[in-house]
Amino acid sequence: MEISLISRKRYTHTMFWAVLLSSVVVALAATLGRAMANVKAALTDKPDIAVYLLLKDDVVTSSTLLRSHDDERDYLVETKEGPKLVKLKKGEKEWFVVSKERMHE
């Protein structure tokens, strides 16, 4: 293909779309990277938010911290099925659910 035969309008049009699409790709990658960093931080640093993320199957409406130690926390979690006692334990890098018990009202 001869570069000298391409019109200025066609070249400008092609370059415009190339720059626009590459900017969109970079913006999407940055957004996804930031979102993953936020989720990782929530699971490792903030166990109060981790309760909501770890109990996706249960629709959590509220949570109350009952007891806290360095590597273990107990929560009273209100779900649409009723209250539950949830125990979280900190692993090497993130919090995980040790037990989940349904409470009677």
PDB file of N, CA and C in Angstrom:
ATOM      1  N   MET A   1       0.841  -1.177   0.000  1.00  0.00           N
ATOM      2  CA  MET A   1       0.000   0.000   0.000  1.00  0.00           C
ATOM      3  C   MET A   1       0.886   1.240   0.000  1.00  0.00           C
ATOM      4  N   GLU A   2       0.562   2.164  -0.835  1.00  0.00           N
ATOM      5  CA  GLU A   2       1.316   3.401  -0.960  1.00  0.00           C
ATOM      6  C   GLU A   2       0.737   4.462  -0.023  1.00  0.00           C
ATOM      7  N   ILE A   3       1.550   4.945   0.892  1.00  0.00           N
ATOM      8  CA  ILE A   3       1.118   5.972   1.836  1.00  0.00           C
ATOM      9  C   ILE A   3       0.752   7.265   1.099  1.00  0.00           C
ATOM     10  N   SER A   4       1.441   7.543   0.035  1.00  0.00           N
ATOM     11  CA  SER A   4       1.189   8.796  -0.692  1.00  0.00           C
ATOM     12  C   SER A   4      -0.181   8.816  -1.365  1.00  0.00           C
ATOM     13  N   LEU A   5      -0.810   7.646  -1.536  1.00  0.00           N
ATOM     14  CA  LEU A   5      -2.111   7.586  -2.190  1.00  0.00           C
ATOM     15  C   LEU A   5      -3.285   7.720  -1.222  1.00  0.00           C
ATOM     16  N   ILE A   6      -3.014   7.705   0.087  1.00  0.00           N
ATOM     17  CA  ILE A   6      -4.083   7.827   1.082  1.00  0.00           C
ATOM     18  C   ILE A   6      -4.437   9.304   1.240  1.00  0.00           C
ATOM     19  N   SER A   7      -5.720   9.592   1.204  1.00  0.00           N
ATOM     20  CA  SER A   7      -6.147  10.987   1.337  1.00  0.00           C
ATOM     21  C   SER A   7      -6.010  11.453   2.785  1.00  0.00           C
ATOM     22  N   ARG A   8      -5.937  12.755   2.938  1.00  0.00           N
ATOM     23  CA  ARG A   8      -5.805  13.339   4.272  1.00  0.00           C
ATOM     24  C   ARG A   8      -7.028  13.008   5.121  1.00  0.00           C
ATOM     25  N   LYS A   9      -8.203  13.050   4.536  1.00  0.00           N
ATOM     26  CA  LYS A   9      -9.441  12.764   5.262  1.00  0.00           C
ATOM     27  C   LYS A   9      -9.456  11.315   5.766  1.00  0.00           C
ATOM     28  N   ARG A  10      -9.064  10.380   4.911  1.00  0.00           N
ATOM     29  CA  ARG A  10      -9.053   8.963   5.301  1.00  0.00           C
ATOM     30  C   ARG A  10      -8.018   8.705   6.411  1.00  0.00           C
ATOM     31  N   TYR A  11      -6.841   9.325   6.289  1.00  0.00           N
ATOM     32  CA  TYR A  11      -5.803   9.178   7.304  1.00  0.00           C
ATOM     33  C   TYR A  11      -6.275   9.742   8.646  1.00  0.00           C
ATOM     34  N   THR A  12      -6.875  10.929   8.636  1.00  0.00           N
ATOM     35  CA  THR A  12      -7.370  11.554   9.862  1.00  0.00           C
ATOM     36  C   THR A  12      -8.470  10.708  10.493  1.00  0.00           C
ATOM     37  N   HIS A  13      -9.357  10.198   9.682  1.00  0.00           N
ATOM     38  CA  HIS A  13     -10.449   9.356  10.173  1.00  0.00           C
ATOM     39  C   HIS A  13      -9.901   8.090  10.843  1.00  0.00           C
ATOM     40  N   THR A  14      -8.948   7.440  10.202  1.00  0.00           N
ATOM     41  CA  THR A  14      -8.350   6.219  10.749  1.00  0.00           C
ATOM     42  C   THR A  14      -7.606   6.504  12.052  1.00  0.00           C
ATOM     43  N   MET A  15      -6.834   7.572  12.081  1.00  0.00           N
ATOM     44  CA  MET A  15      -6.076   7.907  13.291  1.00  0.00           C
ATOM     45  C   MET A  15      -7.005   8.308  14.441  1.00  0.00           C
ATOM     46  N   PHE A  16      -8.081   9.002  14.129  1.00  0.00           N
ATOM     47  CA  PHE A  16      -9.051   9.379  15.158  1.00  0.00           C
ATOM     48  C   PHE A  16      -9.611   8.129  15.837  1.00  0.00           C
ATOM     49  N   TRP A  17     -10.063   7.167  15.054  1.00  0.00           N
ATOM     50  CA  TRP A  17     -10.632   5.944  15.631  1.00  0.00           C
ATOM     51  C   TRP A  17      -9.581   5.121  16.370  1.00  0.00           C
ATOM     52  N   ALA A  18      -8.358   5.105  15.881  1.00  0.00           N
ATOM     53  CA  ALA A  18      -7.288   4.366  16.559  1.00  0.00           C
ATOM     54  C   ALA A  18      -7.005   4.962  17.937  1.00  0.00           C
ATOM     55  N   VAL A  19      -6.905   6.274  18.007  1.00  0.00           N
ATOM     56  CA  VAL A  19      -6.642   6.945  19.287  1.00  0.00           C
ATOM     57  C   VAL A  19      -7.829   6.781  20.231  1.00  0.00           C
ATOM     58  N   LEU A  20      -9.032   6.926  19.715  1.00  0.00           N
ATOM     59  CA  LEU A  20     -10.227   6.794  20.545  1.00  0.00           C
ATOM     60  C   LEU A  20     -10.354   5.383  21.125  1.00  0.00           C
ATOM     61  N   LEU A  21     -10.207   4.371  20.291  1.00  0.00           N
ATOM     62  CA  LEU A  21     -10.341   2.994  20.773  1.00  0.00           C
ATOM     63  C   LEU A  21      -9.218   2.603  21.729  1.00  0.00           C
ATOM     64  N   SER A  22      -8.008   3.055  21.479  1.00  0.00           N
ATOM     65  CA  SER A  22      -6.926   2.739  22.412  1.00  0.00           C
ATOM     66  C   SER A  22      -7.143   3.446  23.751  1.00  0.00           C
ATOM     67  N   SER A  23      -7.700   4.647  23.737  1.00  0.00           N
ATOM     68  CA  SER A  23      -8.028   5.343  24.990  1.00  0.00           C
ATOM     69  C   SER A  23      -9.113   4.606  25.766  1.00  0.00           C
ATOM     70  N   VAL A  24     -10.106   4.084  25.057  1.00  0.00           N
ATOM     71  CA  VAL A  24     -11.171   3.317  25.711  1.00  0.00           C
ATOM     72  C   VAL A  24     -10.604   2.051  26.342  1.00  0.00           C
ATOM     73  N   VAL A  25      -9.720   1.360  25.643  1.00  0.00           N
ATOM     74  CA  VAL A  25      -9.108   0.139  26.183  1.00  0.00           C
ATOM     75  C   VAL A  25      -8.301   0.456  27.438  1.00  0.00           C
ATOM     76  N   VAL A  26      -7.526   1.512  27.412  1.00  0.00           N
ATOM     77  CA  VAL A  26      -6.725   1.898  28.581  1.00  0.00           C
ATOM     78  C   VAL A  26      -7.629   2.286  29.747  1.00  0.00           C
ATOM     79  N   ALA A  27      -8.692   3.026  29.480  1.00  0.00           N
ATOM     80  CA  ALA A  27      -9.617   3.432  30.546  1.00  0.00           C
ATOM     81  C   ALA A  27     -10.308   2.221  31.167  1.00  0.00           C
ATOM     82  N   LEU A  28     -10.732   1.271  30.349  1.00  0.00           N
ATOM     83  CA  LEU A  28     -11.361   0.057  30.884  1.00  0.00           C
ATOM     84  C   LEU A  28     -10.384  -0.758  31.719  1.00  0.00           C
ATOM     85  N   ALA A  29      -9.160  -0.894  31.254  1.00  0.00           N
ATOM     86  CA  ALA A  29      -8.157  -1.642  32.013  1.00  0.00           C
ATOM     87  C   ALA A  29      -7.872  -0.961  33.353  1.00  0.00           C
ATOM     88  N   ALA A  30      -7.778   0.351  33.353  1.00  0.00           N
ATOM     89  CA  ALA A  30      -7.531   1.084  34.597  1.00  0.00           C
ATOM     90  C   ALA A  30      -8.705   0.953  35.560  1.00  0.00           C
ATOM     91  N   THR A  31      -9.923   1.012  35.040  1.00  0.00           N
ATOM     92  CA  THR A  31     -11.112   0.878  35.884  1.00  0.00           C
ATOM     93  C   THR A  31     -11.193  -0.506  36.505  1.00  0.00           C
ATOM     94  N   LEU A  32     -10.973  -1.534  35.706  1.00  0.00           N
ATOM     95  CA  LEU A  32     -11.004  -2.899  36.240  1.00  0.00           C
ATOM     96  C   LEU A  32      -9.887  -3.130  37.250  1.00  0.00           C
ATOM     97  N   GLY A  33      -8.716  -2.594  36.977  1.00  0.00           N
ATOM     98  CA  GLY A  33      -7.606  -2.728  37.921  1.00  0.00           C
ATOM     99  C   GLY A  33      -7.909  -2.050  39.244  1.00  0.00           C
ATOM    100  N   ARG A  34      -8.495  -0.882  39.183  1.00  0.00           N
ATOM    101  CA  ARG A  34      -8.845  -0.154  40.408  1.00  0.00           C
ATOM    102  C   ARG A  34      -9.931  -0.886  41.188  1.00  0.00           C
ATOM    103  N   ALA A  35     -10.913  -1.421  40.472  1.00  0.00           N
ATOM    104  CA  ALA A  35     -11.988  -2.159  41.137  1.00  0.00           C
ATOM    105  C   ALA A  35     -11.439  -3.401  41.834  1.00  0.00           C
ATOM    106  N   MET A  36     -10.541  -4.109  41.192  1.00  0.00           N
ATOM    107  CA  MET A  36      -9.962  -5.305  41.807  1.00  0.00           C
ATOM    108  C   MET A  36      -9.102  -4.934  43.012  1.00  0.00           C
ATOM    109  N   ALA A  37      -8.399  -3.823  42.928  1.00  0.00           N
ATOM    110  CA  ALA A  37      -7.604  -3.371  44.073  1.00  0.00           C
ATOM    111  C   ALA A  37      -8.515  -3.019  45.244  1.00  0.00           C
ATOM    112  N   ASN A  38      -9.663  -2.397  44.969  1.00  0.00           N
ATOM    113  CA  ASN A  38     -10.609  -2.056  46.033  1.00  0.00           C
ATOM    114  C   ASN A  38     -11.193  -3.301  46.677  1.00  0.00           C
ATOM    115  N   VAL A  39     -11.534  -4.306  45.861  1.00  0.00           N
ATOM    116  CA  VAL A  39     -12.087  -5.551  46.407  1.00  0.00           C
ATOM    117  C   VAL A  39     -11.038  -6.259  47.251  1.00  0.00           C
ATOM    118  N   LYS A  40      -9.808  -6.298  46.776  1.00  0.00           N
ATOM    119  CA  LYS A  40      -8.740  -6.951  47.537  1.00  0.00           C
ATOM    120  C   LYS A  40      -8.512  -6.230  48.864  1.00  0.00           C
ATOM    121  N   ALA A  41      -8.513  -4.906  48.836  1.00  0.00           N
ATOM    122  CA  ALA A  41      -8.331  -4.135  50.066  1.00  0.00           C
ATOM    123  C   ALA A  41      -9.486  -4.370  51.024  1.00  0.00           C
ATOM    124  N   ALA A  42     -10.680  -4.486  50.492  1.00  0.00           N
ATOM    125  CA  ALA A  42     -11.843  -4.722  51.352  1.00  0.00           C
ATOM    126  C   ALA A  42     -11.746  -6.079  52.026  1.00  0.00           C
ATOM    127  N   LEU A  43     -11.266  -7.073  51.316  1.00  0.00           N
ATOM    128  CA  LEU A  43     -11.172  -8.410  51.899  1.00  0.00           C
ATOM    129  C   LEU A  43     -10.004  -8.543  52.864  1.00  0.00           C
ATOM    130  N   THR A  44      -8.945  -7.768  52.674  1.00  0.00           N
ATOM    131  CA  THR A  44      -7.779  -7.926  53.532  1.00  0.00           C
ATOM    132  C   THR A  44      -7.744  -6.935  54.690  1.00  0.00           C
ATOM    133  N   ASP A  45      -8.169  -5.710  54.460  1.00  0.00           N
ATOM    134  CA  ASP A  45      -8.012  -4.666  55.470  1.00  0.00           C
ATOM    135  C   ASP A  45      -9.277  -4.358  56.255  1.00  0.00           C
ATOM    136  N   LYS A  46     -10.435  -4.513  55.641  1.00  0.00           N
ATOM    137  CA  LYS A  46     -11.677  -4.083  56.267  1.00  0.00           C
ATOM    138  C   LYS A  46     -12.652  -5.249  56.375  1.00  0.00           C
ATOM    139  N   PRO A  47     -12.624  -5.966  57.465  1.00  0.00           N
ATOM    140  CA  PRO A  47     -13.513  -7.122  57.585  1.00  0.00           C
ATOM    141  C   PRO A  47     -14.987  -6.742  57.635  1.00  0.00           C
ATOM    142  N   ASP A  48     -15.308  -5.502  58.030  1.00  0.00           N
ATOM    143  CA  ASP A  48     -16.712  -5.092  58.059  1.00  0.00           C
ATOM    144  C   ASP A  48     -17.311  -5.102  56.651  1.00  0.00           C
ATOM    145  N   ILE A  49     -16.547  -4.691  55.680  1.00  0.00           N
ATOM    146  CA  ILE A  49     -17.001  -4.745  54.290  1.00  0.00           C
ATOM    147  C   ILE A  49     -16.911  -6.172  53.769  1.00  0.00           C
ATOM    148  N   ALA A  50     -15.942  -6.923  54.258  1.00  0.00           N
ATOM    149  CA  ALA A  50     -15.774  -8.312  53.817  1.00  0.00           C
ATOM    150  C   ALA A  50     -17.006  -9.148  54.136  1.00  0.00           C
ATOM    151  N   VAL A  51     -17.730  -8.814  55.202  1.00  0.00           N
ATOM    152  CA  VAL A  51     -18.955  -9.547  55.538  1.00  0.00           C
ATOM    153  C   VAL A  51     -19.934  -9.468  54.375  1.00  0.00           C
ATOM    154  N   TYR A  52     -20.110  -8.290  53.822  1.00  0.00           N
ATOM    155  CA  TYR A  52     -21.040  -8.113  52.700  1.00  0.00           C
ATOM    156  C   TYR A  52     -20.551  -8.845  51.449  1.00  0.00           C
ATOM    157  N   LEU A  53     -19.244  -8.814  51.210  1.00  0.00           N
ATOM    158  CA  LEU A  53     -18.706  -9.456  50.013  1.00  0.00           C
ATOM    159  C   LEU A  53     -18.679 -10.977  50.132  1.00  0.00           C
ATOM    160  N   LEU A  54     -18.398 -11.483  51.324  1.00  0.00           N
ATOM    161  CA  LEU A  54     -18.307 -12.932  51.503  1.00  0.00           C
ATOM    162  C   LEU A  54     -19.670 -13.603  51.582  1.00  0.00           C
ATOM    163  N   LEU A  55     -20.696 -12.850  51.935  1.00  0.00           N
ATOM    164  CA  LEU A  55     -22.049 -13.417  52.037  1.00  0.00           C
ATOM    165  C   LEU A  55     -22.917 -12.916  50.886  1.00  0.00           C
ATOM    166  N   LYS A  56     -22.451 -13.089  49.660  1.00  0.00           N
ATOM    167  CA  LYS A  56     -23.211 -12.626  48.495  1.00  0.00           C
ATOM    168  C   LYS A  56     -24.525 -13.376  48.352  1.00  0.00           C
ATOM    169  N   ASP A  57     -24.520 -14.677  48.676  1.00  0.00           N
ATOM    170  CA  ASP A  57     -25.725 -15.496  48.509  1.00  0.00           C
ATOM    171  C   ASP A  57     -26.845 -15.042  49.437  1.00  0.00           C
ATOM    172  N   ASP A  58     -26.482 -14.636  50.647  1.00  0.00           N
ATOM    173  CA  ASP A  58     -27.462 -14.104  51.595  1.00  0.00           C
ATOM    174  C   ASP A  58     -27.546 -12.595  51.360  1.00  0.00           C
ATOM    175  N   VAL A  59     -28.740 -12.087  51.265  1.00  0.00           N
ATOM    176  CA  VAL A  59     -28.903 -10.643  51.079  1.00  0.00           C
ATOM    177  C   VAL A  59     -28.740  -9.982  52.446  1.00  0.00           C
ATOM    178  N   VAL A  60     -27.580  -9.389  52.674  1.00  0.00           N
ATOM    179  CA  VAL A  60     -27.253  -8.780  53.968  1.00  0.00           C
ATOM    180  C   VAL A  60     -27.810  -7.366  54.009  1.00  0.00           C
ATOM    181  N   THR A  61     -28.625  -7.089  55.038  1.00  0.00           N
ATOM    182  CA  THR A  61     -29.181  -5.745  55.188  1.00  0.00           C
ATOM    183  C   THR A  61     -28.393  -4.919  56.200  1.00  0.00           C
ATOM    184  N   SER A  62     -27.856  -5.579  57.236  1.00  0.00           N
ATOM    185  CA  SER A  62     -27.034  -4.865  58.216  1.00  0.00           C
ATOM    186  C   SER A  62     -26.152  -5.863  58.947  1.00  0.00           C
ATOM    187  N   SER A  63     -25.107  -5.340  59.558  1.00  0.00           N
ATOM    188  CA  SER A  63     -24.217  -6.191  60.350  1.00  0.00           C
ATOM    189  C   SER A  63     -23.776  -5.429  61.592  1.00  0.00           C
ATOM    190  N   THR A  64     -23.657  -6.170  62.694  1.00  0.00           N
ATOM    191  CA  THR A  64     -23.235  -5.595  63.967  1.00  0.00           C
ATOM    192  C   THR A  64     -22.062  -6.406  64.492  1.00  0.00           C
ATOM    193  N   LEU A  65     -20.978  -5.731  64.823  1.00  0.00           N
ATOM    194  CA  LEU A  65     -19.808  -6.403  65.369  1.00  0.00           C
ATOM    195  C   LEU A  65     -20.086  -6.781  66.817  1.00  0.00           C
ATOM    196  N   LEU A  66     -19.974  -8.074  67.129  1.00  0.00           N
ATOM    197  CA  LEU A  66     -20.209  -8.543  68.490  1.00  0.00           C
ATOM    198  C   LEU A  66     -18.911  -8.686  69.273  1.00  0.00           C
ATOM    199  N   ARG A  67     -17.905  -9.280  68.637  1.00  0.00           N
ATOM    200  CA  ARG A  67     -16.637  -9.524  69.329  1.00  0.00           C
ATOM    201  C   ARG A  67     -15.508  -9.410  68.321  1.00  0.00           C
ATOM    202  N   SER A  68     -14.386  -8.853  68.766  1.00  0.00           N
ATOM    203  CA  SER A  68     -13.257  -8.668  67.862  1.00  0.00           C
ATOM    204  C   SER A  68     -11.956  -9.054  68.553  1.00  0.00           C
ATOM    205  N   HIS A  69     -11.184  -9.874  67.880  1.00  0.00           N
ATOM    206  CA  HIS A  69      -9.819 -10.210  68.294  1.00  0.00           C
ATOM    207  C   HIS A  69      -8.901  -9.830  67.142  1.00  0.00           C
ATOM    208  N   ASP A  70      -7.621 -10.107  67.283  1.00  0.00           N
ATOM    209  CA  ASP A  70      -6.679  -9.749  66.223  1.00  0.00           C
ATOM    210  C   ASP A  70      -6.998 -10.446  64.907  1.00  0.00           C
ATOM    211  N   ASP A  71      -7.303 -11.740  64.976  1.00  0.00           N
ATOM    212  CA  ASP A  71      -7.503 -12.500  63.738  1.00  0.00           C
ATOM    213  C   ASP A  71      -8.876 -13.158  63.649  1.00  0.00           C
ATOM    214  N   GLU A  72      -9.814 -12.733  64.491  1.00  0.00           N
ATOM    215  CA  GLU A  72     -11.150 -13.328  64.470  1.00  0.00           C
ATOM    216  C   GLU A  72     -12.194 -12.284  64.852  1.00  0.00           C
ATOM    217  N   ARG A  73     -13.335 -12.318  64.171  1.00  0.00           N
ATOM    218  CA  ARG A  73     -14.430 -11.390  64.455  1.00  0.00           C
ATOM    219  C   ARG A  73     -15.753 -12.124  64.370  1.00  0.00           C
ATOM    220  N   ASP A  74     -16.668 -11.760  65.268  1.00  0.00           N
ATOM    221  CA  ASP A  74     -18.017 -12.323  65.264  1.00  0.00           C
ATOM    222  C   ASP A  74     -19.006 -11.204  64.950  1.00  0.00           C
ATOM    223  N   TYR A  75     -19.947 -11.497  64.057  1.00  0.00           N
ATOM    224  CA  TYR A  75     -20.938 -10.514  63.625  1.00  0.00           C
ATOM    225  C   TYR A  75     -22.338 -11.076  63.776  1.00  0.00           C
ATOM    226  N   LEU A  76     -23.268 -10.203  64.104  1.00  0.00           N
ATOM    227  CA  LEU A  76     -24.688 -10.508  64.002  1.00  0.00           C
ATOM    228  C   LEU A  76     -25.140  -9.853  62.703  1.00  0.00           C
ATOM    229  N   VAL A  77     -25.520 -10.691  61.737  1.00  0.00           N
ATOM    230  CA  VAL A  77     -25.845 -10.220  60.398  1.00  0.00           C
ATOM    231  C   VAL A  77     -27.333 -10.390  60.162  1.00  0.00           C
ATOM    232  N   GLU A  78     -27.985  -9.310  59.747  1.00  0.00           N
ATOM    233  CA  GLU A  78     -29.405  -9.369  59.394  1.00  0.00           C
ATOM    234  C   GLU A  78     -29.523  -9.677  57.906  1.00  0.00           C
ATOM    235  N   THR A  79     -30.230 -10.762  57.589  1.00  0.00           N
ATOM    236  CA  THR A  79     -30.477 -11.131  56.197  1.00  0.00           C
ATOM    237  C   THR A  79     -31.978 -11.204  55.979  1.00  0.00           C
ATOM    238  N   LYS A  80     -32.378 -11.430  54.739  1.00  0.00           N
ATOM    239  CA  LYS A  80     -33.815 -11.533  54.476  1.00  0.00           C
ATOM    240  C   LYS A  80     -34.390 -12.829  55.044  1.00  0.00           C
ATOM    241  N   GLU A  81     -33.540 -13.814  55.355  1.00  0.00           N
ATOM    242  CA  GLU A  81     -33.978 -15.064  55.983  1.00  0.00           C
ATOM    243  C   GLU A  81     -34.025 -14.960  57.501  1.00  0.00           C
ATOM    244  N   GLY A  82     -33.515 -13.883  58.048  1.00  0.00           N
ATOM    245  CA  GLY A  82     -33.474 -13.691  59.489  1.00  0.00           C
ATOM    246  C   GLY A  82     -32.048 -13.453  59.955  1.00  0.00           C
ATOM    247  N   PRO A  83     -31.872 -13.259  61.259  1.00  0.00           N
ATOM    248  CA  PRO A  83     -30.532 -12.975  61.777  1.00  0.00           C
ATOM    249  C   PRO A  83     -29.633 -14.211  61.745  1.00  0.00           C
ATOM    250  N   LYS A  84     -28.335 -13.974  61.538  1.00  0.00           N
ATOM    251  CA  LYS A  84     -27.344 -15.046  61.519  1.00  0.00           C
ATOM    252  C   LYS A  84     -26.120 -14.599  62.301  1.00  0.00           C
ATOM    253  N   LEU A  85     -25.486 -15.562  62.963  1.00  0.00           N
ATOM    254  CA  LEU A  85     -24.219 -15.326  63.639  1.00  0.00           C
ATOM    255  C   LEU A  85     -23.121 -15.778  62.688  1.00  0.00           C
ATOM    256  N   VAL A  86     -22.258 -14.852  62.298  1.00  0.00           N
ATOM    257  CA  VAL A  86     -21.198 -15.146  61.333  1.00  0.00           C
ATOM    258  C   VAL A  86     -19.855 -14.930  62.011  1.00  0.00           C
ATOM    259  N   LYS A  87     -18.982 -15.921  61.888  1.00  0.00           N
ATOM    260  CA  LYS A  87     -17.632 -15.818  62.444  1.00  0.00           C
ATOM    261  C   LYS A  87     -16.642 -15.721  61.294  1.00  0.00           C
ATOM    262  N   LEU A  88     -15.844 -14.656  61.303  1.00  0.00           N
ATOM    263  CA  LEU A  88     -14.800 -14.460  60.301  1.00  0.00           C
ATOM    264  C   LEU A  88     -13.442 -14.692  60.940  1.00  0.00           C
ATOM    265  N   LYS A  89     -12.548 -15.271  60.174  1.00  0.00           N
ATOM    266  CA  LYS A  89     -11.181 -15.484  60.637  1.00  0.00           C
ATOM    267  C   LYS A  89     -10.244 -14.968  59.560  1.00  0.00           C
ATOM    268  N   LYS A  90      -9.140 -14.366  59.993  1.00  0.00           N
ATOM    269  CA  LYS A  90      -8.184 -13.822  59.036  1.00  0.00           C
ATOM    270  C   LYS A  90      -7.164 -14.890  58.682  1.00  0.00           C
ATOM    271  N   GLY A  91      -7.038 -15.156  57.387  1.00  0.00           N
ATOM    272  CA  GLY A  91      -6.024 -16.078  56.895  1.00  0.00           C
ATOM    273  C   GLY A  91      -4.715 -15.326  56.706  1.00  0.00           C
ATOM    274  N   GLU A  92      -3.876 -15.853  55.835  1.00  0.00           N
ATOM    275  CA  GLU A  92      -2.602 -15.185  55.568  1.00  0.00           C
ATOM    276  C   GLU A  92      -2.796 -13.830  54.904  1.00  0.00           C
ATOM    277  N   LYS A  93      -3.751 -13.785  53.958  1.00  0.00           N
ATOM    278  CA  LYS A  93      -3.925 -12.547  53.201  1.00  0.00           C
ATOM    279  C   LYS A  93      -5.326 -11.966  53.273  1.00  0.00           C
ATOM    280  N   GLU A  94      -6.334 -12.770  53.586  1.00  0.00           N
ATOM    281  CA  GLU A  94      -7.700 -12.259  53.537  1.00  0.00           C
ATOM    282  C   GLU A  94      -8.563 -12.908  54.610  1.00  0.00           C
ATOM    283  N   TRP A  95      -9.741 -12.314  54.812  1.00  0.00           N
ATOM    284  CA  TRP A  95     -10.712 -12.835  55.759  1.00  0.00           C
ATOM    285  C   TRP A  95     -11.566 -13.899  55.079  1.00  0.00           C
ATOM    286  N   PHE A  96     -11.986 -14.902  55.854  1.00  0.00           N
ATOM    287  CA  PHE A  96     -12.893 -15.912  55.321  1.00  0.00           C
ATOM    288  C   PHE A  96     -13.895 -16.308  56.396  1.00  0.00           C
ATOM    289  N   VAL A  97     -15.016 -16.887  55.964  1.00  0.00           N
ATOM    290  CA  VAL A  97     -16.097 -17.275  56.872  1.00  0.00           C
ATOM    291  C   VAL A  97     -15.762 -18.623  57.491  1.00  0.00           C
ATOM    292  N   VAL A  98     -15.713 -18.663  58.833  1.00  0.00           N
ATOM    293  CA  VAL A  98     -15.472 -19.915  59.549  1.00  0.00           C
ATOM    294  C   VAL A  98     -16.790 -20.637  59.772  1.00  0.00           C
ATOM    295  N   SER A  99     -17.788 -19.912  60.251  1.00  0.00           N
ATOM    296  CA  SER A  99     -19.095 -20.534  60.476  1.00  0.00           C
ATOM    297  C   SER A  99     -20.200 -19.506  60.267  1.00  0.00           C
ATOM    298  N   LYS A 100     -21.373 -20.049  59.961  1.00  0.00           N
ATOM    299  CA  LYS A 100     -22.548 -19.213  59.720  1.00  0.00           C
ATOM    300  C   LYS A 100     -23.726 -19.960  60.338  1.00  0.00           C
ATOM    301  N   GLU A 101     -24.285 -19.409  61.422  1.00  0.00           N
ATOM    302  CA  GLU A 101     -25.382 -20.072  62.129  1.00  0.00           C
ATOM    303  C   GLU A 101     -26.627 -19.196  62.085  1.00  0.00           C
ATOM    304  N   ARG A 102     -27.743 -19.835  61.795  1.00  0.00           N
ATOM    305  CA  ARG A 102     -29.004 -19.105  61.787  1.00  0.00           C
ATOM    306  C   ARG A 102     -29.499 -18.945  63.217  1.00  0.00           C
ATOM    307  N   MET A 103     -29.929 -17.746  63.553  1.00  0.00           N
ATOM    308  CA  MET A 103     -30.410 -17.444  64.903  1.00  0.00           C
ATOM    309  C   MET A 103     -31.937 -17.479  64.912  1.00  0.00           C
ATOM    310  N   HIS A 104     -32.502 -17.819  66.056  1.00  0.00           N
ATOM    311  CA  HIS A 104     -33.955 -17.794  66.227  1.00  0.00           C
ATOM    312  C   HIS A 104     -34.349 -16.481  66.878  1.00  0.00           C
ATOM    313  N   GLU A 105     -35.452 -15.921  66.439  1.00  0.00           N
ATOM    314  CA  GLU A 105     -35.892 -14.637  66.995  1.00  0.00           C
ATOM    315  C   GLU A 105     -36.709 -14.829  68.239  1.00  0.00           C
TER     316      GLU A 105
END
